[in-house]
Amino acid sequence: MKSLSPNDLGTFLVEGCPKIKISDFVRKYRTQLKEAVIASDLELQGIKVELTTSRTCYNGIRLWFKCPTCKGRVGVIFKHPMSEIVGCRKCLKLEYKKRRYKGMIEGSL
């Protein structure tokens, strides 16, 4: 019997895509962010990405990436491994490995 490979079901996995977390980005560029980054255009891995903000409960500011595809606020953007398109998980139709196989074992018992 042939075993399944990660792409046999036709969708790509989140684990196989390069990603940037907003928390890692903010930690690295905290001092520069306070000065001018919010109003400027960013270029991450060769793609222009906008930043947006939202208010927190205690009058703080939370930074978000603006998905280049759907224009939604996201904390993580991905680069598709095949098409090189940058976007959020929903726009690129990416799944987590754990979610893909959930229920497969229970269904075979």
PDB file of N, CA and C in Angstrom:
ATOM      1  N   MET A   1       0.840  -1.178   0.000  1.00  0.00           N
ATOM      2  CA  MET A   1       0.000   0.000   0.000  1.00  0.00           C
ATOM      3  C   MET A   1       0.888   1.245   0.000  1.00  0.00           C
ATOM      4  N   LYS A   2       0.581   2.185  -0.856  1.00  0.00           N
ATOM      5  CA  LYS A   2       1.351   3.422  -0.973  1.00  0.00           C
ATOM      6  C   LYS A   2       0.952   4.389   0.145  1.00  0.00           C
ATOM      7  N   SER A   3       1.951   4.977   0.807  1.00  0.00           N
ATOM      8  CA  SER A   3       1.656   5.934   1.870  1.00  0.00           C
ATOM      9  C   SER A   3       1.369   7.315   1.267  1.00  0.00           C
ATOM     10  N   LEU A   4       0.634   8.117   2.022  1.00  0.00           N
ATOM     11  CA  LEU A   4       0.280   9.463   1.572  1.00  0.00           C
ATOM     12  C   LEU A   4       1.448  10.415   1.763  1.00  0.00           C
ATOM     13  N   SER A   5       1.636  11.298   0.808  1.00  0.00           N
ATOM     14  CA  SER A   5       2.617  12.370   0.962  1.00  0.00           C
ATOM     15  C   SER A   5       1.862  13.634   1.373  1.00  0.00           C
ATOM     16  N   PRO A   6       2.560  14.675   1.874  1.00  0.00           N
ATOM     17  CA  PRO A   6       1.865  15.867   2.374  1.00  0.00           C
ATOM     18  C   PRO A   6       0.953  16.558   1.364  1.00  0.00           C
ATOM     19  N   ASN A   7       1.210  16.434   0.059  1.00  0.00           N
ATOM     20  CA  ASN A   7       0.399  17.153  -0.926  1.00  0.00           C
ATOM     21  C   ASN A   7      -0.608  16.264  -1.646  1.00  0.00           C
ATOM     22  N   ASP A   8      -0.830  15.044  -1.188  1.00  0.00           N
ATOM     23  CA  ASP A   8      -1.766  14.156  -1.866  1.00  0.00           C
ATOM     24  C   ASP A   8      -3.197  14.675  -1.826  1.00  0.00           C
ATOM     25  N   LEU A   9      -3.531  15.480  -0.855  1.00  0.00           N
ATOM     26  CA  LEU A   9      -4.907  15.959  -0.729  1.00  0.00           C
ATOM     27  C   LEU A   9      -5.140  17.273  -1.467  1.00  0.00           C
ATOM     28  N   GLY A  10      -4.127  17.799  -2.142  1.00  0.00           N
ATOM     29  CA  GLY A  10      -4.309  18.954  -3.009  1.00  0.00           C
ATOM     30  C   GLY A  10      -4.126  20.319  -2.384  1.00  0.00           C
ATOM     31  N   THR A  11      -3.888  20.411  -1.094  1.00  0.00           N
ATOM     32  CA  THR A  11      -3.647  21.708  -0.482  1.00  0.00           C
ATOM     33  C   THR A  11      -2.262  21.719   0.144  1.00  0.00           C
ATOM     34  N   PHE A  12      -1.691  22.888   0.267  1.00  0.00           N
ATOM     35  CA  PHE A  12      -0.359  23.021   0.836  1.00  0.00           C
ATOM     36  C   PHE A  12      -0.463  23.239   2.336  1.00  0.00           C
ATOM     37  N   LEU A  13       0.592  22.889   3.051  1.00  0.00           N
ATOM     38  CA  LEU A  13       0.620  23.013   4.496  1.00  0.00           C
ATOM     39  C   LEU A  13       1.297  24.308   4.918  1.00  0.00           C
ATOM     40  N   VAL A  14       0.823  24.881   5.998  1.00  0.00           N
ATOM     41  CA  VAL A  14       1.417  26.079   6.570  1.00  0.00           C
ATOM     42  C   VAL A  14       2.879  25.818   6.927  1.00  0.00           C
ATOM     43  N   GLU A  15       3.163  24.612   7.419  1.00  0.00           N
ATOM     44  CA  GLU A  15       4.518  24.281   7.859  1.00  0.00           C
ATOM     45  C   GLU A  15       5.537  24.324   6.728  1.00  0.00           C
ATOM     46  N   GLY A  16       5.107  24.248   5.482  1.00  0.00           N
ATOM     47  CA  GLY A  16       6.014  24.257   4.347  1.00  0.00           C
ATOM     48  C   GLY A  16       6.249  25.634   3.740  1.00  0.00           C
ATOM     49  N   CYS A  17       5.722  26.684   4.345  1.00  0.00           N
ATOM     50  CA  CYS A  17       5.824  28.035   3.783  1.00  0.00           C
ATOM     51  C   CYS A  17       6.679  28.928   4.673  1.00  0.00           C
ATOM     52  N   PRO A  18       7.511  29.782   4.063  1.00  0.00           N
ATOM     53  CA  PRO A  18       8.214  30.780   4.877  1.00  0.00           C
ATOM     54  C   PRO A  18       7.198  31.738   5.489  1.00  0.00           C
ATOM     55  N   LYS A  19       7.438  32.147   6.738  1.00  0.00           N
ATOM     56  CA  LYS A  19       6.479  33.034   7.390  1.00  0.00           C
ATOM     57  C   LYS A  19       7.205  34.092   8.198  1.00  0.00           C
ATOM     58  N   ILE A  20       6.495  35.161   8.476  1.00  0.00           N
ATOM     59  CA  ILE A  20       7.002  36.236   9.317  1.00  0.00           C
ATOM     60  C   ILE A  20       5.932  36.525  10.362  1.00  0.00           C
ATOM     61  N   LYS A  21       6.285  36.448  11.628  1.00  0.00           N
ATOM     62  CA  LYS A  21       5.355  36.771  12.704  1.00  0.00           C
ATOM     63  C   LYS A  21       5.495  38.250  13.041  1.00  0.00           C
ATOM     64  N   ILE A  22       4.367  38.899  13.266  1.00  0.00           N
ATOM     65  CA  ILE A  22       4.399  40.320  13.599  1.00  0.00           C
ATOM     66  C   ILE A  22       5.140  40.541  14.913  1.00  0.00           C
ATOM     67  N   SER A  23       5.033  39.613  15.858  1.00  0.00           N
ATOM     68  CA  SER A  23       5.723  39.766  17.141  1.00  0.00           C
ATOM     69  C   SER A  23       7.241  39.744  16.964  1.00  0.00           C
ATOM     70  N   ASP A  24       7.751  38.870  16.087  1.00  0.00           N
ATOM     71  CA  ASP A  24       9.192  38.833  15.813  1.00  0.00           C
ATOM     72  C   ASP A  24       9.646  40.122  15.139  1.00  0.00           C
ATOM     73  N   PHE A  25       8.832  40.605  14.215  1.00  0.00           N
ATOM     74  CA  PHE A  25       9.148  41.837  13.497  1.00  0.00           C
ATOM     75  C   PHE A  25       9.206  43.022  14.459  1.00  0.00           C
ATOM     76  N   VAL A  26       8.210  43.139  15.328  1.00  0.00           N
ATOM     77  CA  VAL A  26       8.152  44.252  16.274  1.00  0.00           C
ATOM     78  C   VAL A  26       9.331  44.187  17.246  1.00  0.00           C
ATOM     79  N   ARG A  27       9.646  42.995  17.725  1.00  0.00           N
ATOM     80  CA  ARG A  27      10.756  42.833  18.658  1.00  0.00           C
ATOM     81  C   ARG A  27      12.071  43.298  18.029  1.00  0.00           C
ATOM     82  N   LYS A  28      12.266  42.977  16.763  1.00  0.00           N
ATOM     83  CA  LYS A  28      13.509  43.305  16.079  1.00  0.00           C
ATOM     84  C   LYS A  28      13.625  44.807  15.792  1.00  0.00           C
ATOM     85  N   TYR A  29      12.512  45.437  15.426  1.00  0.00           N
ATOM     86  CA  TYR A  29      12.546  46.832  14.982  1.00  0.00           C
ATOM     87  C   TYR A  29      11.804  47.783  15.916  1.00  0.00           C
ATOM     88  N   ARG A  30      11.742  47.495  17.188  1.00  0.00           N
ATOM     89  CA  ARG A  30      10.937  48.282  18.128  1.00  0.00           C
ATOM     90  C   ARG A  30      11.297  49.771  18.111  1.00  0.00           C
ATOM     91  N   THR A  31      12.553  50.111  18.150  1.00  0.00           N
ATOM     92  CA  THR A  31      12.919  51.532  18.212  1.00  0.00           C
ATOM     93  C   THR A  31      12.585  52.259  16.920  1.00  0.00           C
ATOM     94  N   GLN A  32      12.828  51.615  15.780  1.00  0.00           N
ATOM     95  CA  GLN A  32      12.502  52.266  14.516  1.00  0.00           C
ATOM     96  C   GLN A  32      10.993  52.363  14.318  1.00  0.00           C
ATOM     97  N   LEU A  33      10.245  51.396  14.825  1.00  0.00           N
ATOM     98  CA  LEU A  33       8.790  51.425  14.670  1.00  0.00           C
ATOM     99  C   LEU A  33       8.190  52.648  15.340  1.00  0.00           C
ATOM    100  N   LYS A  34       8.694  52.996  16.496  1.00  0.00           N
ATOM    101  CA  LYS A  34       8.152  54.142  17.214  1.00  0.00           C
ATOM    102  C   LYS A  34       8.327  55.438  16.444  1.00  0.00           C
ATOM    103  N   GLU A  35       9.281  55.488  15.568  1.00  0.00           N
ATOM    104  CA  GLU A  35       9.548  56.726  14.835  1.00  0.00           C
ATOM    105  C   GLU A  35       8.708  56.867  13.569  1.00  0.00           C
ATOM    106  N   ALA A  36       8.817  55.876  12.623  1.00  0.00           N
ATOM    107  CA  ALA A  36       8.222  56.162  11.317  1.00  0.00           C
ATOM    108  C   ALA A  36       7.654  54.981  10.557  1.00  0.00           C
ATOM    109  N   VAL A  37       7.811  53.778  11.010  1.00  0.00           N
ATOM    110  CA  VAL A  37       7.447  52.618  10.197  1.00  0.00           C
ATOM    111  C   VAL A  37       5.946  52.506   9.944  1.00  0.00           C
ATOM    112  N   ILE A  38       5.125  52.901  10.893  1.00  0.00           N
ATOM    113  CA  ILE A  38       3.679  52.740  10.748  1.00  0.00           C
ATOM    114  C   ILE A  38       3.150  53.471   9.512  1.00  0.00           C
ATOM    115  N   ALA A  39       3.666  54.639   9.249  1.00  0.00           N
ATOM    116  CA  ALA A  39       3.187  55.438   8.122  1.00  0.00           C
ATOM    117  C   ALA A  39       3.874  55.100   6.804  1.00  0.00           C
ATOM    118  N   SER A  40       4.900  54.291   6.835  1.00  0.00           N
ATOM    119  CA  SER A  40       5.654  54.021   5.608  1.00  0.00           C
ATOM    120  C   SER A  40       5.292  52.661   5.011  1.00  0.00           C
ATOM    121  N   ASP A  41       5.758  52.428   3.791  1.00  0.00           N
ATOM    122  CA  ASP A  41       5.584  51.129   3.148  1.00  0.00           C
ATOM    123  C   ASP A  41       6.749  50.234   3.539  1.00  0.00           C
ATOM    124  N   LEU A  42       6.449  48.975   3.844  1.00  0.00           N
ATOM    125  CA  LEU A  42       7.477  48.004   4.196  1.00  0.00           C
ATOM    126  C   LEU A  42       7.722  47.079   3.022  1.00  0.00           C
ATOM    127  N   GLU A  43       8.927  46.582   2.932  1.00  0.00           N
ATOM    128  CA  GLU A  43       9.227  45.578   1.921  1.00  0.00           C
ATOM    129  C   GLU A  43       9.827  44.385   2.645  1.00  0.00           C
ATOM    130  N   LEU A  44       9.074  43.282   2.686  1.00  0.00           N
ATOM    131  CA  LEU A  44       9.504  42.063   3.346  1.00  0.00           C
ATOM    132  C   LEU A  44       9.660  40.968   2.305  1.00  0.00           C
ATOM    133  N   GLN A  45      10.841  40.409   2.202  1.00  0.00           N
ATOM    134  CA  GLN A  45      11.159  39.376   1.221  1.00  0.00           C
ATOM    135  C   GLN A  45      10.791  39.823  -0.191  1.00  0.00           C
ATOM    136  N   GLY A  46      11.035  41.089  -0.491  1.00  0.00           N
ATOM    137  CA  GLY A  46      10.804  41.604  -1.833  1.00  0.00           C
ATOM    138  C   GLY A  46       9.373  41.995  -2.141  1.00  0.00           C
ATOM    139  N   ILE A  47       8.461  41.917  -1.181  1.00  0.00           N
ATOM    140  CA  ILE A  47       7.050  42.239  -1.394  1.00  0.00           C
ATOM    141  C   ILE A  47       6.683  43.430  -0.513  1.00  0.00           C
ATOM    142  N   LYS A  48       5.980  44.412  -1.087  1.00  0.00           N
ATOM    143  CA  LYS A  48       5.522  45.559  -0.295  1.00  0.00           C
ATOM    144  C   LYS A  48       4.323  45.141   0.553  1.00  0.00           C
ATOM    145  N   VAL A  49       4.433  45.394   1.855  1.00  0.00           N
ATOM    146  CA  VAL A  49       3.390  45.027   2.810  1.00  0.00           C
ATOM    147  C   VAL A  49       3.083  46.248   3.663  1.00  0.00           C
ATOM    148  N   GLU A  50       1.802  46.506   3.874  1.00  0.00           N
ATOM    149  CA  GLU A  50       1.386  47.634   4.703  1.00  0.00           C
ATOM    150  C   GLU A  50       1.208  47.187   6.146  1.00  0.00           C
ATOM    151  N   LEU A  51       1.367  48.120   7.067  1.00  0.00           N
ATOM    152  CA  LEU A  51       1.066  47.891   8.476  1.00  0.00           C
ATOM    153  C   LEU A  51      -0.199  48.651   8.826  1.00  0.00           C
ATOM    154  N   THR A  52      -0.954  48.107   9.764  1.00  0.00           N
ATOM    155  CA  THR A  52      -2.126  48.795  10.280  1.00  0.00           C
ATOM    156  C   THR A  52      -2.125  48.613  11.792  1.00  0.00           C
ATOM    157  N   THR A  53      -2.927  49.378  12.487  1.00  0.00           N
ATOM    158  CA  THR A  53      -2.952  49.308  13.946  1.00  0.00           C
ATOM    159  C   THR A  53      -4.372  49.123  14.447  1.00  0.00           C
ATOM    160  N   SER A  54      -4.476  48.662  15.688  1.00  0.00           N
ATOM    161  CA  SER A  54      -5.762  48.616  16.385  1.00  0.00           C
ATOM    162  C   SER A  54      -5.504  48.986  17.841  1.00  0.00           C
ATOM    163  N   ARG A  55      -6.525  49.461  18.506  1.00  0.00           N
ATOM    164  CA  ARG A  55      -6.430  49.833  19.915  1.00  0.00           C
ATOM    165  C   ARG A  55      -6.653  48.600  20.783  1.00  0.00           C
ATOM    166  N   THR A  56      -5.903  48.501  21.872  1.00  0.00           N
ATOM    167  CA  THR A  56      -6.113  47.426  22.835  1.00  0.00           C
ATOM    168  C   THR A  56      -7.005  47.941  23.962  1.00  0.00           C
ATOM    169  N   CYS A  57      -7.382  47.072  24.871  1.00  0.00           N
ATOM    170  CA  CYS A  57      -8.286  47.449  25.966  1.00  0.00           C
ATOM    171  C   CYS A  57      -7.710  48.526  26.878  1.00  0.00           C
ATOM    172  N   TYR A  58      -6.398  48.548  27.032  1.00  0.00           N
ATOM    173  CA  TYR A  58      -5.769  49.499  27.948  1.00  0.00           C
ATOM    174  C   TYR A  58      -5.084  50.641  27.209  1.00  0.00           C
ATOM    175  N   ASN A  59      -5.702  51.090  26.119  1.00  0.00           N
ATOM    176  CA  ASN A  59      -5.228  52.220  25.308  1.00  0.00           C
ATOM    177  C   ASN A  59      -3.846  52.019  24.704  1.00  0.00           C
ATOM    178  N   GLY A  60      -3.474  50.790  24.498  1.00  0.00           N
ATOM    179  CA  GLY A  60      -2.236  50.509  23.785  1.00  0.00           C
ATOM    180  C   GLY A  60      -2.515  50.405  22.293  1.00  0.00           C
ATOM    181  N   ILE A  61      -1.477  50.178  21.539  1.00  0.00           N
ATOM    182  CA  ILE A  61      -1.614  50.023  20.092  1.00  0.00           C
ATOM    183  C   ILE A  61      -1.046  48.673  19.695  1.00  0.00           C
ATOM    184  N   ARG A  62      -1.800  47.925  18.932  1.00  0.00           N
ATOM    185  CA  ARG A  62      -1.341  46.642  18.412  1.00  0.00           C
ATOM    186  C   ARG A  62      -1.093  46.798  16.918  1.00  0.00           C
ATOM    187  N   LEU A  63       0.050  46.318  16.469  1.00  0.00           N
ATOM    188  CA  LEU A  63       0.394  46.367  15.048  1.00  0.00           C
ATOM    189  C   LEU A  63      -0.050  45.094  14.346  1.00  0.00           C
ATOM    190  N   TRP A  64      -0.474  45.244  13.104  1.00  0.00           N
ATOM    191  CA  TRP A  64      -0.887  44.126  12.267  1.00  0.00           C
ATOM    192  C   TRP A  64      -0.291  44.313  10.878  1.00  0.00           C
ATOM    193  N   PHE A  65      -0.075  43.203  10.183  1.00  0.00           N
ATOM    194  CA  PHE A  65       0.201  43.273   8.758  1.00  0.00           C
ATOM    195  C   PHE A  65      -1.137  43.408   8.053  1.00  0.00           C
ATOM    196  N   LYS A  66      -1.161  44.078   6.919  1.00  0.00           N
ATOM    197  CA  LYS A  66      -2.356  44.118   6.078  1.00  0.00           C
ATOM    198  C   LYS A  66      -2.104  43.134   4.948  1.00  0.00           C
ATOM    199  N   CYS A  67      -2.938  42.094   4.855  1.00  0.00           N
ATOM    200  CA  CYS A  67      -2.758  41.059   3.836  1.00  0.00           C
ATOM    201  C   CYS A  67      -2.801  41.711   2.454  1.00  0.00           C
ATOM    202  N   PRO A  68      -1.775  41.489   1.619  1.00  0.00           N
ATOM    203  CA  PRO A  68      -1.767  42.093   0.285  1.00  0.00           C
ATOM    204  C   PRO A  68      -2.890  41.586  -0.616  1.00  0.00           C
ATOM    205  N   THR A  69      -3.442  40.419  -0.307  1.00  0.00           N
ATOM    206  CA  THR A  69      -4.476  39.827  -1.150  1.00  0.00           C
ATOM    207  C   THR A  69      -5.878  40.281  -0.751  1.00  0.00           C
ATOM    208  N   CYS A  70      -6.248  40.086   0.537  1.00  0.00           N
ATOM    209  CA  CYS A  70      -7.617  40.404   0.974  1.00  0.00           C
ATOM    210  C   CYS A  70      -7.718  41.719   1.750  1.00  0.00           C
ATOM    211  N   LYS A  71      -6.595  42.346   2.059  1.00  0.00           N
ATOM    212  CA  LYS A  71      -6.528  43.610   2.805  1.00  0.00           C
ATOM    213  C   LYS A  71      -6.989  43.479   4.250  1.00  0.00           C
ATOM    214  N   GLY A  72      -7.076  42.252   4.779  1.00  0.00           N
ATOM    215  CA  GLY A  72      -7.471  42.043   6.169  1.00  0.00           C
ATOM    216  C   GLY A  72      -6.296  42.192   7.124  1.00  0.00           C
ATOM    217  N   ARG A  73      -6.600  42.388   8.423  1.00  0.00           N
ATOM    218  CA  ARG A  73      -5.551  42.477   9.445  1.00  0.00           C
ATOM    219  C   ARG A  73      -5.126  41.072   9.835  1.00  0.00           C
ATOM    220  N   VAL A  74      -3.829  40.798   9.773  1.00  0.00           N
ATOM    221  CA  VAL A  74      -3.310  39.483  10.144  1.00  0.00           C
ATOM    222  C   VAL A  74      -2.015  39.645  10.930  1.00  0.00           C
ATOM    223  N   GLY A  75      -1.749  38.669  11.779  1.00  0.00           N
ATOM    224  CA  GLY A  75      -0.526  38.675  12.560  1.00  0.00           C
ATOM    225  C   GLY A  75       0.616  37.952  11.880  1.00  0.00           C
ATOM    226  N   VAL A  76       0.302  37.083  10.926  1.00  0.00           N
ATOM    227  CA  VAL A  76       1.323  36.307  10.217  1.00  0.00           C
ATOM    228  C   VAL A  76       0.998  36.332   8.729  1.00  0.00           C
ATOM    229  N   ILE A  77       1.995  36.600   7.907  1.00  0.00           N
ATOM    230  CA  ILE A  77       1.817  36.488   6.461  1.00  0.00           C
ATOM    231  C   ILE A  77       2.726  35.379   5.957  1.00  0.00           C
ATOM    232  N   PHE A  78       2.295  34.733   4.889  1.00  0.00           N
ATOM    233  CA  PHE A  78       3.013  33.599   4.326  1.00  0.00           C
ATOM    234  C   PHE A  78       3.365  33.867   2.874  1.00  0.00           C
ATOM    235  N   LYS A  79       4.374  33.165   2.396  1.00  0.00           N
ATOM    236  CA  LYS A  79       4.741  33.193   0.988  1.00  0.00           C
ATOM    237  C   LYS A  79       4.484  31.791   0.454  1.00  0.00           C
ATOM    238  N   HIS A  80       3.593  31.659  -0.526  1.00  0.00           N
ATOM    239  CA  HIS A  80       3.222  30.355  -1.067  1.00  0.00           C
ATOM    240  C   HIS A  80       4.448  29.687  -1.689  1.00  0.00           C
ATOM    241  N   PRO A  81       4.668  28.388  -1.412  1.00  0.00           N
ATOM    242  CA  PRO A  81       5.881  27.722  -1.895  1.00  0.00           C
ATOM    243  C   PRO A  81       5.938  27.535  -3.409  1.00  0.00           C
ATOM    244  N   MET A  82       4.812  27.491  -4.074  1.00  0.00           N
ATOM    245  CA  MET A  82       4.799  27.255  -5.522  1.00  0.00           C
ATOM    246  C   MET A  82       4.632  28.550  -6.316  1.00  0.00           C
ATOM    247  N   SER A  83       3.634  29.345  -5.967  1.00  0.00           N
ATOM    248  CA  SER A  83       3.307  30.526  -6.768  1.00  0.00           C
ATOM    249  C   SER A  83       4.039  31.787  -6.311  1.00  0.00           C
ATOM    250  N   GLU A  84       4.712  31.734  -5.150  1.00  0.00           N
ATOM    251  CA  GLU A  84       5.444  32.882  -4.609  1.00  0.00           C
ATOM    252  C   GLU A  84       4.530  34.060  -4.246  1.00  0.00           C
ATOM    253  N   ILE A  85       3.219  33.848  -4.173  1.00  0.00           N
ATOM    254  CA  ILE A  85       2.276  34.893  -3.780  1.00  0.00           C
ATOM    255  C   ILE A  85       2.347  35.060  -2.266  1.00  0.00           C
ATOM    256  N   VAL A  86       2.264  36.299  -1.803  1.00  0.00           N
ATOM    257  CA  VAL A  86       2.281  36.587  -0.372  1.00  0.00           C
ATOM    258  C   VAL A  86       0.865  36.909   0.073  1.00  0.00           C
ATOM    259  N   GLY A  87       0.451  36.339   1.215  1.00  0.00           N
ATOM    260  CA  GLY A  87      -0.875  36.604   1.737  1.00  0.00           C
ATOM    261  C   GLY A  87      -1.087  35.909   3.060  1.00  0.00           C
ATOM    262  N   CYS A  88      -2.305  35.973   3.550  1.00  0.00           N
ATOM    263  CA  CYS A  88      -2.634  35.305   4.808  1.00  0.00           C
ATOM    264  C   CYS A  88      -2.958  33.832   4.534  1.00  0.00           C
ATOM    265  N   ARG A  89      -3.117  33.080   5.607  1.00  0.00           N
ATOM    266  CA  ARG A  89      -3.368  31.642   5.502  1.00  0.00           C
ATOM    267  C   ARG A  89      -4.653  31.347   4.723  1.00  0.00           C
ATOM    268  N   LYS A  90      -5.691  32.139   4.933  1.00  0.00           N
ATOM    269  CA  LYS A  90      -6.966  31.896   4.255  1.00  0.00           C
ATOM    270  C   LYS A  90      -6.880  32.195   2.763  1.00  0.00           C
ATOM    271  N   CYS A  91      -6.224  33.291   2.401  1.00  0.00           N
ATOM    272  CA  CYS A  91      -6.103  33.658   0.983  1.00  0.00           C
ATOM    273  C   CYS A  91      -5.302  32.627   0.197  1.00  0.00           C
ATOM    274  N   LEU A  92      -4.262  32.086   0.820  1.00  0.00           N
ATOM    275  CA  LEU A  92      -3.405  31.120   0.133  1.00  0.00           C
ATOM    276  C   LEU A  92      -3.909  29.689   0.272  1.00  0.00           C
ATOM    277  N   LYS A  93      -5.047  29.508   0.976  1.00  0.00           N
ATOM    278  CA  LYS A  93      -5.656  28.189   1.190  1.00  0.00           C
ATOM    279  C   LYS A  93      -4.655  27.212   1.813  1.00  0.00           C
ATOM    280  N   LEU A  94      -4.009  27.665   2.893  1.00  0.00           N
ATOM    281  CA  LEU A  94      -3.045  26.841   3.613  1.00  0.00           C
ATOM    282  C   LEU A  94      -3.726  26.201   4.811  1.00  0.00           C
ATOM    283  N   GLU A  95      -3.296  25.009   5.163  1.00  0.00           N
ATOM    284  CA  GLU A  95      -3.826  24.304   6.318  1.00  0.00           C
ATOM    285  C   GLU A  95      -2.688  23.928   7.243  1.00  0.00           C
ATOM    286  N   TYR A  96      -3.009  23.747   8.530  1.00  0.00           N
ATOM    287  CA  TYR A  96      -2.042  23.227   9.478  1.00  0.00           C
ATOM    288  C   TYR A  96      -2.059  21.705   9.393  1.00  0.00           C
ATOM    289  N   LYS A  97      -0.891  21.088   9.571  1.00  0.00           N
ATOM    290  CA  LYS A  97      -0.780  19.638   9.460  1.00  0.00           C
ATOM    291  C   LYS A  97      -1.724  18.935  10.434  1.00  0.00           C
ATOM    292  N   LYS A  98      -1.803  19.405  11.650  1.00  0.00           N
ATOM    293  CA  LYS A  98      -2.636  18.772  12.670  1.00  0.00           C
ATOM    294  C   LYS A  98      -4.114  18.790  12.274  1.00  0.00           C
ATOM    295  N   ARG A  99      -4.566  19.868  11.683  1.00  0.00           N
ATOM    296  CA  ARG A  99      -5.974  19.983  11.285  1.00  0.00           C
ATOM    297  C   ARG A  99      -6.310  19.056  10.120  1.00  0.00           C
ATOM    298  N   ARG A 100      -5.360  18.876   9.221  1.00  0.00           N
ATOM    299  CA  ARG A 100      -5.601  18.058   8.037  1.00  0.00           C
ATOM    300  C   ARG A 100      -5.925  16.610   8.400  1.00  0.00           C
ATOM    301  N   TYR A 101      -5.195  16.053   9.351  1.00  0.00           N
ATOM    302  CA  TYR A 101      -5.345  14.637   9.674  1.00  0.00           C
ATOM    303  C   TYR A 101      -6.295  14.382  10.835  1.00  0.00           C
ATOM    304  N   LYS A 102      -6.885  15.409  11.387  1.00  0.00           N
ATOM    305  CA  LYS A 102      -7.819  15.238  12.494  1.00  0.00           C
ATOM    306  C   LYS A 102      -9.031  14.446  12.021  1.00  0.00           C
ATOM    307  N   GLY A 103      -9.357  13.418  12.756  1.00  0.00           N
ATOM    308  CA  GLY A 103     -10.515  12.595  12.433  1.00  0.00           C
ATOM    309  C   GLY A 103     -10.213  11.403  11.555  1.00  0.00           C
ATOM    310  N   MET A 104      -9.022  11.330  10.964  1.00  0.00           N
ATOM    311  CA  MET A 104      -8.705  10.196  10.090  1.00  0.00           C
ATOM    312  C   MET A 104      -8.586   8.901  10.885  1.00  0.00           C
ATOM    313  N   ILE A 105      -7.956   8.948  12.061  1.00  0.00           N
ATOM    314  CA  ILE A 105      -7.781   7.742  12.868  1.00  0.00           C
ATOM    315  C   ILE A 105      -9.111   7.324  13.468  1.00  0.00           C
ATOM    316  N   GLU A 106      -9.873   8.283  13.980  1.00  0.00           N
ATOM    317  CA  GLU A 106     -11.154   7.962  14.596  1.00  0.00           C
ATOM    318  C   GLU A 106     -12.126   7.357  13.585  1.00  0.00           C
ATOM    319  N   GLY A 107     -12.063   7.808  12.348  1.00  0.00           N
ATOM    320  CA  GLY A 107     -12.971   7.308  11.323  1.00  0.00           C
ATOM    321  C   GLY A 107     -12.658   5.890  10.882  1.00  0.00           C
ATOM    322  N   SER A 108     -11.403   5.447  11.041  1.00  0.00           N
ATOM    323  CA  SER A 108     -11.038   4.112  10.578  1.00  0.00           C
ATOM    324  C   SER A 108     -11.228   3.047  11.643  1.00  0.00           C
ATOM    325  N   LEU A 109     -11.542   3.440  12.886  1.00  0.00           N
ATOM    326  CA  LEU A 109     -11.714   2.458  13.967  1.00  0.00           C
ATOM    327  C   LEU A 109     -13.062   1.821  13.945  1.00  0.00           C
TER     328      LEU A 109
END
